[in-house]
Amino acid sequence: MLSSVQTIHIPDEDIGTIEVVITPKFLESHLKNIRIGIIFIIAALALVLILVLYLLLWHIVLKPLKQLEHFALQVSKGEVNISYSLKTPFIGELENLRTSISAMIVLLESRYGMLQQEIKHTRESENLFRILNHSIPDLVWFKDPNGIYLSCNPKFEKLFGAKECDILGKTDYDFTDRKLADLYRESDLKAISENESVVHEVNVTFESDSHLSVLETVKVPVHGVEGNLIGVLGISRDITEKKRVENELEKHRNNLELLVRERTIELASANEKLTSAFEALLNEREKLQTALDELQAIQKQLIHSEKMASVGLLSAGIAHEINNPLNFIKGGILGIEDYFESNLKDHIDEVELFITSINTGIKRASEIVSSLSHYSRQDDLNHQECDIHSIIDNCLIMLQNQMRGKVEVTKKYTEKRCLVAGSEGKLHQAFLNIISNAEQAIENTGTIEINSEVNQNMVVLTITDSGYGISPDNIPKIFDPFFTTKIVGKGTGLGLSITYNIIQEHNGSISYLSNQGSGTIVTINLPISKADKL
């Protein structure tokens, strides 16, 4: 038991005391009521707090999540709309999520538009492919790697006598006999294993109208973007008419080969006869040609011999006729010289110049006569030792009248002897023709240079002039008989032909090097005589 005594006061006076006594039972009952009240208050506060928290959770979390759930549902249905309202700001991480989703809305709408365009193009491509596939006159189909049909065109439908919807999902074994189906499958697997197109021909019966055809089939393996095998594309073309034409052509070709073979045998027999006749004619022709060549050679020799004989007779006559007066002149000048020595010795100096001039004239006339005799000599070939330098000097003496005041001649002879075994008259004629052509090639004034040297067992002579030269087109023809570039009446075209033959007769060679407008170089090679070698 609890008790408490309290004094009661009033101002300036105590009026008494009061005692309060509380029993344990009363206290226990009162505390129980207080506890119950506190519990009810706490419960009420908890309910209010829960309600407030729920409202906050709804506004901050659940409502935004509900909006996001609704948006996600729209996206899943393809109802993307950039104008959809997600503009209310959220709190914390949800705001970041809202911002990301808003950006995703813009991206998805852009991508959605692109996908719509791609879908449109894909559908257009599919329609175009179907139109083309149905328009192709060939049989077209597509199988998966297991041989199951995935597509075919109307032309192919006629082969199996079934619609595309009844063919798809099935194999060749569902429509043809096993042997033909095995053939089809074998070609499919070959195209897949070799990874290249396979071509084969097959005879088939179209189930739509039971007509027979020959099909040329091309099968190609088809791979996806990643390189994986998708299936086999097949195209068959009806080549029945082509094969028929080929067979007809083959028959005609065989018949033609038979006819050609028979005709070839006949022609071969006739050809043998013609060949025999031709060989006989050819032999006769060769004999005639040989005889003609011999006659032409004899004719050349006769013409040359007659010409040289005529020139020789003329030269001999001229030499004889000139030598007689020269002897008289020589004798007379010697007599005059002796007379002055004996009787008019004091006046000898006055006529010395005249006597010397007359002797010079006599000497030159003698040299000309001597040159003519050299030119007209008819020695046997390879019988006489001929001095090439002496022959060239004699030719220059004969041509000095034509070259005087026009051509300057330079001689560069080797110090070695240049003796050649042969005909002095013919060699004289050959060099006279060469030097004369060089002089005639010089129009106004110019030079002729004559060089000689001994190279091993050959005398090498070069005659260079500064004339107008020979065109490259005419070089190969200059030794042909009767070829000339001179005007009519100025040349016969036989000079170089005769010269070539003379050099050949002496086992030598002659060549011309020239360009039009830049002069000509003549090179003559003649073998040294055996006596000179010793």
Protein backbone atom coordinates (compact mmCIF):
# COMPACT_ATOMS: atom_id res chain seq x y z
CA MET A 1 0.00 0.00 0.00
CA LEU A 2 1.16 3.45 -0.86
CA SER A 3 0.26 6.51 1.26
CA SER A 4 1.12 10.17 1.04
CA VAL A 5 0.41 12.96 3.62
CA GLN A 6 0.36 16.50 2.43
CA THR A 7 -0.12 19.71 4.47
CA ILE A 8 -2.67 22.16 3.14
CA HIS A 9 -1.57 25.76 3.32
CA ILE A 10 -3.35 29.01 2.82
CA PRO A 11 -1.66 32.30 2.98
CA ASP A 12 -0.14 32.81 6.38
CA GLU A 13 -1.90 29.79 7.82
CA ASP A 14 -1.87 26.01 7.80
CA ILE A 15 -5.38 24.75 7.72
CA GLY A 16 -4.67 21.07 7.97
CA THR A 17 -3.27 17.88 6.41
CA ILE A 18 -4.53 15.40 3.79
CA GLU A 19 -3.55 11.77 3.46
CA VAL A 20 -3.92 9.89 0.22
CA VAL A 21 -3.78 6.13 0.33
CA ILE A 22 -3.46 4.02 -2.89
CA THR A 23 -3.95 0.36 -2.73
CA PRO A 24 -2.06 -2.05 -4.99
CA LYS A 25 -5.20 -3.27 -6.63
CA PHE A 26 -6.27 0.23 -7.55
CA LEU A 27 -2.82 1.00 -8.89
CA GLU A 28 -2.71 -2.13 -10.99
CA SER A 29 -6.13 -1.43 -12.53
CA HIS A 30 -5.18 2.13 -13.37
CA LEU A 31 -1.84 1.17 -15.00
CA LYS A 32 -3.61 -1.42 -17.13
CA ASN A 33 -5.97 1.20 -18.49
CA ILE A 34 -3.03 3.49 -19.27
CA ARG A 35 -1.18 0.72 -21.16
CA ILE A 36 -4.24 -0.05 -23.27
CA GLY A 37 -4.58 3.62 -24.18
CA ILE A 38 -0.94 3.89 -25.15
CA ILE A 39 -1.26 0.79 -27.36
CA PHE A 40 -4.27 2.24 -29.13
CA ILE A 41 -2.43 5.50 -29.69
CA ILE A 42 0.66 3.71 -31.08
CA ALA A 43 -1.51 1.61 -33.37
CA ALA A 44 -3.32 4.68 -34.65
CA LEU A 45 -0.02 6.44 -35.26
CA ALA A 46 1.33 3.34 -37.08
CA LEU A 47 -1.74 3.19 -39.34
CA VAL A 48 -1.39 6.88 -40.16
CA LEU A 49 2.33 6.42 -40.80
CA ILE A 50 1.65 3.40 -43.06
CA LEU A 51 -0.98 5.36 -44.98
CA VAL A 52 1.39 8.29 -45.42
CA LEU A 53 4.22 5.98 -46.53
CA TYR A 54 1.87 4.22 -48.99
CA LEU A 55 0.82 7.53 -50.50
CA LEU A 56 4.43 8.60 -50.80
CA LEU A 57 5.37 5.20 -52.32
CA TRP A 58 2.50 5.46 -54.80
CA HIS A 59 3.48 8.91 -55.91
CA ILE A 60 7.21 8.38 -55.96
CA VAL A 61 7.59 4.73 -57.06
CA LEU A 62 4.42 2.85 -57.94
CA LYS A 63 2.86 5.47 -60.21
CA PRO A 64 6.07 5.96 -62.29
CA LEU A 65 6.50 2.19 -62.48
CA LYS A 66 2.90 1.90 -63.61
CA GLN A 67 3.60 4.45 -66.34
CA LEU A 68 6.74 2.59 -67.38
CA GLU A 69 4.81 -0.68 -67.43
CA HIS A 70 2.15 0.91 -69.65
CA PHE A 71 4.84 2.28 -72.01
CA ALA A 72 6.56 -1.10 -72.18
CA LEU A 73 3.22 -2.69 -73.08
CA GLN A 74 2.76 -0.13 -75.88
CA VAL A 75 6.28 -0.80 -77.19
CA SER A 76 5.63 -4.54 -77.19
CA LYS A 77 2.54 -3.92 -79.31
CA GLY A 78 4.48 -1.69 -81.71
CA GLU A 79 2.62 1.44 -80.62
CA VAL A 80 5.66 3.68 -80.31
CA ASN A 81 4.75 7.36 -80.13
CA ILE A 82 7.25 10.03 -79.29
CA SER A 83 4.45 12.25 -78.04
CA TYR A 84 3.68 9.82 -75.21
CA SER A 85 4.01 11.70 -71.88
CA LEU A 86 6.93 10.70 -69.74
CA LYS A 87 7.72 14.31 -69.04
CA THR A 88 6.83 14.34 -65.31
CA PRO A 89 10.10 14.33 -63.36
CA PHE A 90 10.73 11.37 -61.07
CA ILE A 91 12.87 11.16 -58.00
CA GLY A 92 16.34 9.63 -57.63
CA GLU A 93 17.21 6.55 -59.67
CA LEU A 94 13.75 6.51 -61.25
CA GLU A 95 14.50 9.86 -62.85
CA ASN A 96 17.63 8.37 -64.45
CA LEU A 97 15.51 5.45 -65.60
CA ARG A 98 12.88 7.84 -67.01
CA THR A 99 15.54 9.83 -68.87
CA SER A 100 17.04 6.66 -70.37
CA ILE A 101 13.63 5.39 -71.39
CA SER A 102 12.77 8.74 -72.99
CA ALA A 103 15.99 8.56 -75.04
CA MET A 104 15.11 5.00 -75.91
CA ILE A 105 11.69 6.20 -77.13
CA VAL A 106 13.36 8.55 -79.65
CA LEU A 107 15.80 5.83 -80.79
CA LEU A 108 13.08 3.21 -81.07
CA GLU A 109 10.82 5.50 -83.05
CA SER A 110 13.69 6.20 -85.51
CA ARG A 111 14.58 2.54 -85.72
CA TYR A 112 10.91 1.62 -86.01
CA GLY A 113 10.59 3.92 -89.04
CA MET A 114 13.65 2.33 -90.64
CA LEU A 115 12.29 -1.14 -89.93
CA GLN A 116 9.00 -0.17 -91.51
CA GLN A 117 10.88 0.94 -94.65
CA GLU A 118 12.94 -2.28 -94.68
CA ILE A 119 9.79 -4.32 -94.25
CA LYS A 120 8.23 -2.42 -97.15
CA HIS A 121 11.28 -2.99 -99.36
CA THR A 122 11.43 -6.65 -98.33
CA ARG A 123 7.79 -7.16 -99.23
CA GLU A 124 8.33 -5.39 -102.56
CA SER A 125 11.40 -7.57 -103.22
CA GLU A 126 9.42 -10.68 -102.32
CA ASN A 127 6.64 -9.65 -104.68
CA LEU A 128 9.16 -8.89 -107.46
CA PHE A 129 10.92 -12.21 -106.86
CA ARG A 130 7.61 -14.05 -107.00
CA ILE A 131 6.66 -12.25 -110.23
CA LEU A 132 10.05 -13.06 -111.79
CA ASN A 133 9.96 -16.60 -110.50
CA HIS A 134 6.54 -17.13 -112.04
CA SER A 135 7.60 -15.44 -115.30
CA ILE A 136 10.75 -17.53 -115.89
CA PRO A 137 10.06 -20.14 -118.59
CA ASP A 138 12.49 -22.58 -116.92
CA LEU A 139 11.78 -24.84 -113.97
CA VAL A 140 13.00 -23.18 -110.75
CA TRP A 141 12.99 -24.64 -107.24
CA PHE A 142 14.76 -24.39 -103.91
CA LYS A 143 15.49 -27.16 -101.39
CA ASP A 144 16.97 -27.21 -97.93
CA PRO A 145 20.17 -29.24 -97.30
CA ASN A 146 18.02 -32.32 -96.57
CA GLY A 147 16.31 -32.20 -99.97
CA ILE A 148 13.01 -30.79 -98.70
CA TYR A 149 11.32 -28.38 -101.11
CA LEU A 150 11.00 -24.81 -99.80
CA SER A 151 9.90 -23.05 -103.01
CA CYS A 152 9.08 -23.68 -106.70
CA ASN A 153 7.56 -21.86 -109.66
CA PRO A 154 4.43 -22.77 -111.69
CA LYS A 155 6.56 -24.34 -114.46
CA PHE A 156 7.98 -26.77 -111.90
CA GLU A 157 4.48 -27.62 -110.67
CA LYS A 158 3.78 -29.21 -114.07
CA LEU A 159 6.70 -31.64 -113.60
CA PHE A 160 5.16 -33.19 -110.47
CA GLY A 161 1.55 -32.42 -111.46
CA ALA A 162 0.94 -30.73 -108.10
CA LYS A 163 0.53 -27.22 -106.68
CA GLU A 164 3.30 -25.47 -104.80
CA CYS A 165 1.47 -25.80 -101.51
CA ASP A 166 1.36 -29.59 -102.00
CA ILE A 167 5.07 -29.77 -102.98
CA LEU A 168 6.54 -27.68 -100.17
CA GLY A 169 7.75 -29.70 -97.20
CA LYS A 170 8.20 -32.86 -99.30
CA THR A 171 11.10 -34.50 -101.16
CA ASP A 172 11.64 -36.03 -104.60
CA TYR A 173 10.86 -39.45 -103.17
CA ASP A 174 7.25 -38.32 -102.66
CA PHE A 175 6.73 -37.65 -106.40
CA THR A 176 9.10 -39.80 -108.51
CA ASP A 177 10.37 -43.37 -108.54
CA ARG A 178 13.30 -44.17 -106.29
CA LYS A 179 15.88 -44.47 -109.08
CA LEU A 180 15.17 -40.96 -110.40
CA ALA A 181 14.88 -39.56 -106.86
CA ASP A 182 18.30 -41.06 -106.03
CA LEU A 183 19.71 -39.34 -109.13
CA TYR A 184 18.26 -36.00 -108.02
CA ARG A 185 19.56 -36.41 -104.49
CA GLU A 186 23.01 -37.45 -105.69
CA SER A 187 23.34 -34.26 -107.77
CA ASP A 188 22.15 -32.20 -104.74
CA LEU A 189 24.84 -33.70 -102.52
CA LYS A 190 27.49 -33.26 -105.22
CA ALA A 191 26.73 -29.53 -105.50
CA ILE A 192 26.91 -29.23 -101.67
CA SER A 193 30.15 -31.22 -101.28
CA GLU A 194 31.99 -29.53 -104.18
CA ASN A 195 30.56 -26.11 -103.27
CA GLU A 196 30.05 -25.25 -106.92
CA SER A 197 27.44 -25.54 -109.63
CA VAL A 198 26.63 -28.98 -111.03
CA VAL A 199 25.16 -29.54 -114.51
CA HIS A 200 23.50 -32.71 -115.72
CA GLU A 201 20.88 -33.86 -118.23
CA VAL A 202 17.94 -36.11 -117.47
CA ASN A 203 14.95 -37.51 -119.36
CA VAL A 204 11.69 -36.86 -117.49
CA THR A 205 7.94 -37.21 -117.95
CA PHE A 206 5.78 -34.22 -117.00
CA GLU A 207 2.95 -35.49 -114.82
CA SER A 208 0.66 -32.63 -115.90
CA ASP A 209 0.27 -33.89 -119.51
CA SER A 210 2.58 -36.98 -119.63
CA HIS A 211 4.88 -35.52 -122.33
CA LEU A 212 8.55 -36.55 -122.43
CA SER A 213 11.30 -33.94 -122.25
CA VAL A 214 15.06 -33.66 -121.89
CA LEU A 215 15.99 -31.25 -119.10
CA GLU A 216 19.38 -29.61 -118.62
CA THR A 217 19.64 -28.92 -114.89
CA VAL A 218 21.99 -26.58 -113.04
CA LYS A 219 22.19 -26.88 -109.25
CA VAL A 220 23.99 -24.30 -107.10
CA PRO A 221 24.63 -24.38 -103.31
CA VAL A 222 23.22 -21.29 -101.55
CA HIS A 223 24.84 -19.86 -98.41
CA GLY A 224 23.63 -17.30 -95.90
CA VAL A 225 25.25 -14.04 -94.88
CA GLU A 226 27.36 -15.82 -92.27
CA GLY A 227 28.47 -18.46 -94.77
CA ASN A 228 26.22 -21.23 -93.49
CA LEU A 229 24.57 -23.53 -96.03
CA ILE A 230 20.91 -22.66 -96.61
CA GLY A 231 20.03 -25.05 -99.38
CA VAL A 232 20.31 -25.86 -103.10
CA LEU A 233 18.87 -23.74 -105.92
CA GLY A 234 17.93 -25.64 -109.07
CA ILE A 235 17.09 -24.43 -112.59
CA SER A 236 16.07 -26.80 -115.39
CA ARG A 237 15.67 -25.88 -119.04
CA ASP A 238 13.82 -27.93 -121.61
CA ILE A 239 16.41 -28.78 -124.29
CA THR A 240 14.31 -31.39 -126.11
CA GLU A 241 14.21 -29.37 -129.34
CA LYS A 242 17.89 -28.51 -129.01
CA LYS A 243 18.78 -32.22 -128.62
CA ARG A 244 16.60 -33.09 -131.61
CA VAL A 245 18.39 -30.51 -133.75
CA GLU A 246 21.78 -31.72 -132.46
CA ASN A 247 20.88 -35.30 -133.36
CA GLU A 248 19.80 -34.21 -136.83
CA LEU A 249 23.01 -32.24 -137.21
CA GLU A 250 25.00 -35.25 -136.02
CA LYS A 251 23.33 -37.43 -138.68
CA HIS A 252 24.05 -34.82 -141.36
CA ARG A 253 27.61 -34.46 -140.08
CA ASN A 254 28.15 -38.24 -140.27
CA ASN A 255 26.71 -38.31 -143.77
CA LEU A 256 28.84 -35.34 -144.73
CA GLU A 257 31.95 -36.99 -143.26
CA LEU A 258 31.18 -40.11 -145.29
CA LEU A 259 30.77 -38.05 -148.46
CA VAL A 260 33.91 -36.06 -147.68
CA ARG A 261 35.84 -39.26 -147.01
CA GLU A 262 34.74 -40.73 -150.33
CA ARG A 263 35.45 -37.49 -152.14
CA THR A 264 38.81 -37.21 -150.36
CA ILE A 265 39.80 -40.64 -151.61
CA GLU A 266 38.86 -39.61 -155.15
CA LEU A 267 40.70 -36.31 -154.82
CA ALA A 268 43.73 -38.07 -153.30
CA SER A 269 43.86 -40.39 -156.31
CA ALA A 270 43.53 -37.45 -158.70
CA ASN A 271 46.08 -35.51 -156.66
CA GLU A 272 48.58 -38.34 -156.91
CA LYS A 273 48.21 -38.28 -160.67
CA LEU A 274 48.52 -34.50 -160.74
CA THR A 275 51.49 -34.67 -158.38
CA SER A 276 53.25 -37.14 -160.64
CA ALA A 277 52.53 -34.96 -163.65
CA PHE A 278 53.62 -31.86 -161.73
CA GLU A 279 56.85 -33.51 -160.61
CA ALA A 280 57.56 -34.46 -164.20
CA LEU A 281 56.85 -30.89 -165.30
CA LEU A 282 58.95 -29.58 -162.42
CA ASN A 283 61.87 -31.77 -163.45
CA GLU A 284 61.53 -30.53 -167.03
CA ARG A 285 61.29 -26.97 -165.74
CA GLU A 286 64.44 -27.43 -163.66
CA LYS A 287 66.25 -28.79 -166.67
CA LEU A 288 65.00 -25.88 -168.81
CA GLN A 289 65.93 -23.39 -166.08
CA THR A 290 69.41 -24.90 -165.83
CA ALA A 291 69.81 -24.69 -169.58
CA LEU A 292 68.49 -21.11 -169.56
CA ASP A 293 70.91 -20.13 -166.78
CA GLU A 294 73.78 -21.66 -168.71
CA LEU A 295 72.70 -19.86 -171.87
CA GLN A 296 72.39 -16.55 -169.99
CA ALA A 297 75.85 -17.04 -168.46
CA ILE A 298 77.27 -17.84 -171.88
CA GLN A 299 75.42 -14.85 -173.33
CA LYS A 300 76.91 -12.57 -170.66
CA GLN A 301 80.35 -13.94 -171.33
CA LEU A 302 79.91 -13.54 -175.08
CA ILE A 303 78.57 -9.99 -174.71
CA HIS A 304 81.39 -9.10 -172.37
CA SER A 305 83.98 -10.81 -174.55
CA GLU A 306 82.67 -9.11 -177.70
CA LYS A 307 82.54 -5.79 -175.89
CA MET A 308 86.04 -6.17 -174.53
CA ALA A 309 87.30 -7.43 -177.86
CA SER A 310 85.83 -4.41 -179.60
CA VAL A 311 87.25 -2.09 -176.97
CA GLY A 312 90.59 -3.93 -177.20
CA LEU A 313 90.75 -3.56 -180.98
CA LEU A 314 89.77 0.09 -180.71
CA SER A 315 92.27 0.70 -177.89
CA ALA A 316 95.03 -1.10 -179.75
CA GLY A 317 94.32 0.90 -182.89
CA ILE A 318 94.21 4.15 -180.97
CA ALA A 319 97.39 3.26 -179.07
CA HIS A 320 99.15 2.38 -182.33
CA GLU A 321 97.96 5.51 -184.08
CA ILE A 322 98.89 7.70 -181.12
CA ASN A 323 102.22 6.02 -180.43
CA ASN A 324 103.52 6.75 -183.95
CA PRO A 325 103.00 10.54 -183.72
CA LEU A 326 104.29 10.45 -180.15
CA ASN A 327 107.46 8.74 -181.38
CA PHE A 328 107.87 11.37 -184.10
CA ILE A 329 107.32 14.14 -181.55
CA LYS A 330 109.69 12.48 -179.10
CA GLY A 331 112.34 12.06 -181.80
CA GLY A 332 111.85 15.63 -182.98
CA ILE A 333 112.13 17.12 -179.49
CA LEU A 334 115.28 15.07 -178.85
CA GLY A 335 116.73 16.37 -182.15
CA ILE A 336 115.85 19.95 -181.26
CA GLU A 337 117.38 19.50 -177.81
CA ASP A 338 120.59 18.07 -179.33
CA TYR A 339 120.72 20.87 -181.91
CA PHE A 340 120.49 23.55 -179.23
CA GLU A 341 123.11 21.73 -177.17
CA SER A 342 125.48 21.69 -180.14
CA ASN A 343 124.84 24.97 -181.94
CA LEU A 344 122.75 27.28 -179.76
CA LYS A 345 123.90 26.39 -176.29
CA ASP A 346 123.62 29.96 -175.14
CA HIS A 347 119.90 29.97 -176.05
CA ILE A 348 119.05 26.58 -174.49
CA ASP A 349 117.51 28.26 -171.45
CA GLU A 350 115.07 30.16 -173.64
CA VAL A 351 113.49 26.97 -175.00
CA GLU A 352 113.90 24.80 -171.88
CA LEU A 353 110.38 25.58 -170.73
CA PHE A 354 108.89 24.63 -174.10
CA ILE A 355 110.89 21.39 -174.26
CA THR A 356 109.81 20.44 -170.71
CA SER A 357 106.13 21.15 -171.51
CA ILE A 358 106.33 19.03 -174.68
CA ASN A 359 107.97 16.15 -172.74
CA THR A 360 105.24 16.38 -170.06
CA GLY A 361 102.54 16.17 -172.75
CA ILE A 362 104.30 13.19 -174.35
CA LYS A 363 104.49 11.46 -170.95
CA ARG A 364 100.79 12.01 -170.20
CA ALA A 365 99.77 10.81 -173.65
CA SER A 366 101.92 7.72 -173.14
CA GLU A 367 100.26 7.03 -169.80
CA ILE A 368 96.80 7.28 -171.39
CA VAL A 369 97.83 4.88 -174.14
CA SER A 370 99.25 2.54 -171.49
CA SER A 371 95.95 2.72 -169.52
CA LEU A 372 93.98 1.85 -172.63
CA SER A 373 96.20 -1.16 -173.18
CA HIS A 374 95.66 -2.25 -169.57
CA TYR A 375 91.88 -1.82 -169.93
CA SER A 376 91.74 -3.92 -173.11
CA ARG A 377 93.90 -6.80 -171.91
CA GLN A 378 92.16 -10.21 -172.03
CA ASP A 379 94.22 -12.23 -169.54
CA ASP A 380 93.07 -15.59 -168.32
CA LEU A 381 91.42 -15.41 -164.93
CA ASN A 382 93.69 -16.09 -161.94
CA HIS A 383 96.64 -16.27 -164.29
CA GLN A 384 98.42 -12.96 -163.63
CA GLU A 385 99.50 -11.12 -160.50
CA CYS A 386 97.60 -7.81 -160.58
CA ASP A 387 98.73 -4.75 -158.58
CA ILE A 388 95.50 -3.18 -157.27
CA HIS A 389 97.14 0.20 -156.63
CA SER A 390 98.46 0.33 -160.22
CA ILE A 391 95.03 -0.61 -161.60
CA ILE A 392 93.32 2.16 -159.60
CA ASP A 393 95.95 4.71 -160.70
CA ASN A 394 95.40 3.78 -164.37
CA CYS A 395 91.62 4.20 -163.89
CA LEU A 396 92.16 7.66 -162.37
CA ILE A 397 94.33 8.62 -165.38
CA MET A 398 91.52 7.60 -167.75
CA LEU A 399 88.97 9.63 -165.76
CA GLN A 400 91.12 12.66 -165.02
CA ASN A 401 89.53 14.72 -167.80
CA GLN A 402 86.01 14.22 -166.31
CA MET A 403 87.19 14.90 -162.77
CA ARG A 404 89.43 17.90 -163.46
CA GLY A 405 88.16 20.95 -161.56
CA LYS A 406 85.21 18.94 -160.13
CA VAL A 407 86.49 16.12 -157.92
CA GLU A 408 89.37 16.12 -155.46
CA VAL A 409 90.78 12.59 -155.19
CA THR A 410 92.56 11.49 -151.98
CA LYS A 411 94.51 8.20 -151.98
CA LYS A 412 95.46 6.51 -148.71
CA TYR A 413 97.23 3.33 -149.81
CA THR A 414 98.70 0.82 -147.42
CA GLU A 415 102.48 0.42 -147.60
CA LYS A 416 102.06 -3.31 -148.05
CA ARG A 417 101.87 -4.76 -151.54
CA CYS A 418 98.33 -5.47 -152.76
CA LEU A 419 98.67 -8.18 -155.36
CA VAL A 420 95.61 -10.14 -156.49
CA ALA A 421 95.63 -13.15 -158.79
CA GLY A 422 93.25 -12.62 -161.72
CA SER A 423 92.48 -10.77 -164.90
CA GLU A 424 93.98 -7.28 -164.95
CA GLY A 425 91.63 -6.18 -167.75
CA LYS A 426 88.50 -7.29 -165.85
CA LEU A 427 89.66 -5.77 -162.57
CA HIS A 428 90.49 -2.58 -164.44
CA GLN A 429 86.95 -2.56 -165.85
CA ALA A 430 85.39 -3.20 -162.41
CA PHE A 431 87.25 -0.37 -160.66
CA LEU A 432 86.69 1.97 -163.59
CA ASN A 433 82.89 1.39 -163.25
CA ILE A 434 82.98 2.03 -159.47
CA ILE A 435 85.07 5.22 -159.66
CA SER A 436 83.10 6.48 -162.68
CA ASN A 437 79.80 6.03 -160.73
CA ALA A 438 81.32 7.92 -157.79
CA GLU A 439 82.33 10.81 -160.08
CA GLN A 440 78.88 10.92 -161.74
CA ALA A 441 77.17 11.00 -158.27
CA ILE A 442 78.90 14.35 -157.53
CA GLU A 443 76.81 17.10 -159.11
CA ASN A 444 79.02 20.18 -158.69
CA THR A 445 82.21 19.69 -156.69
CA GLY A 446 83.14 17.03 -154.18
CA THR A 447 85.65 14.49 -152.99
CA ILE A 448 86.53 10.85 -153.60
CA GLU A 449 88.66 9.07 -150.99
CA ILE A 450 90.31 5.72 -151.79
CA ASN A 451 91.69 3.65 -148.90
CA SER A 452 93.44 0.28 -148.99
CA GLU A 453 94.58 -2.06 -146.24
CA VAL A 454 95.55 -5.68 -145.82
CA ASN A 455 93.46 -7.60 -143.33
CA GLN A 456 94.70 -11.15 -142.80
CA ASN A 457 94.59 -12.71 -146.31
CA MET A 458 92.35 -10.09 -147.87
CA VAL A 459 92.89 -6.74 -149.59
CA VAL A 460 90.19 -4.37 -148.30
CA LEU A 461 89.44 -1.33 -150.47
CA THR A 462 86.99 1.45 -149.59
CA ILE A 463 85.95 4.11 -152.08
CA THR A 464 84.02 6.96 -150.44
CA ASP A 465 82.36 9.78 -152.38
CA SER A 466 80.45 12.89 -151.28
CA GLY A 467 77.74 12.52 -153.94
CA TYR A 468 73.96 12.46 -153.59
CA GLY A 469 73.90 8.83 -152.42
CA ILE A 470 71.46 5.96 -153.00
CA SER A 471 68.03 5.56 -151.40
CA PRO A 472 67.62 2.56 -149.03
CA ASP A 473 64.93 1.11 -151.32
CA ASN A 474 67.38 0.94 -154.26
CA ILE A 475 70.38 -0.56 -152.38
CA PRO A 476 69.19 -4.21 -152.79
CA LYS A 477 68.66 -3.69 -156.56
CA ILE A 478 71.86 -1.94 -157.65
CA PHE A 479 73.52 -5.18 -158.83
CA ASP A 480 70.48 -6.28 -160.88
CA PRO A 481 71.06 -6.26 -164.65
CA PHE A 482 69.60 -3.19 -166.44
CA PHE A 483 68.73 -1.44 -163.13
CA THR A 484 69.68 2.23 -163.20
CA THR A 485 68.59 5.48 -161.58
CA LYS A 486 70.06 7.60 -164.35
CA ILE A 487 67.90 9.28 -166.96
CA VAL A 488 67.30 7.54 -170.30
CA GLY A 489 70.40 7.61 -172.45
CA LYS A 490 72.79 8.18 -169.52
CA GLY A 491 73.19 4.57 -168.39
CA THR A 492 72.39 0.98 -169.39
CA GLY A 493 72.20 -0.50 -165.88
CA LEU A 494 74.88 -3.12 -166.68
CA GLY A 495 77.94 -1.47 -165.11
CA LEU A 496 77.51 -2.61 -161.50
CA SER A 497 76.07 -5.97 -162.61
CA ILE A 498 79.26 -6.65 -164.59
CA THR A 499 81.37 -5.31 -161.72
CA TYR A 500 79.64 -7.64 -159.24
CA ASN A 501 80.24 -10.66 -161.47
CA ILE A 502 83.92 -9.73 -161.93
CA ILE A 503 84.46 -9.42 -158.15
CA GLN A 504 82.65 -12.74 -157.62
CA GLU A 505 84.85 -14.40 -160.28
CA HIS A 506 87.88 -13.26 -158.26
CA ASN A 507 86.43 -14.85 -155.06
CA GLY A 508 85.81 -11.42 -153.57
CA SER A 509 82.87 -9.43 -152.28
CA ILE A 510 81.47 -5.94 -152.82
CA SER A 511 78.98 -3.98 -150.69
CA TYR A 512 77.42 -0.52 -150.76
CA LEU A 513 76.57 1.62 -147.75
CA SER A 514 74.65 4.79 -148.54
CA ASN A 515 71.93 7.19 -147.47
CA GLN A 516 70.34 9.56 -149.93
CA GLY A 517 72.01 12.95 -149.69
CA SER A 518 75.02 11.82 -147.59
CA GLY A 519 77.35 10.06 -150.03
CA THR A 520 78.26 6.43 -150.65
CA ILE A 521 80.86 4.01 -149.28
CA VAL A 522 81.87 1.04 -151.48
CA THR A 523 83.79 -1.78 -149.79
CA ILE A 524 85.63 -4.38 -151.93
CA ASN A 525 87.33 -7.46 -150.48
CA LEU A 526 89.73 -9.46 -152.69
CA PRO A 527 91.96 -12.37 -151.67
CA ILE A 528 95.72 -11.78 -151.73
CA SER A 529 97.59 -13.85 -154.29
CA LYS A 530 99.64 -16.82 -153.05
CA ALA A 531 102.85 -15.29 -154.37
CA ASP A 532 102.27 -12.11 -152.32
CA LYS A 533 101.66 -14.22 -149.19
CA LEU A 534 105.09 -15.74 -149.58
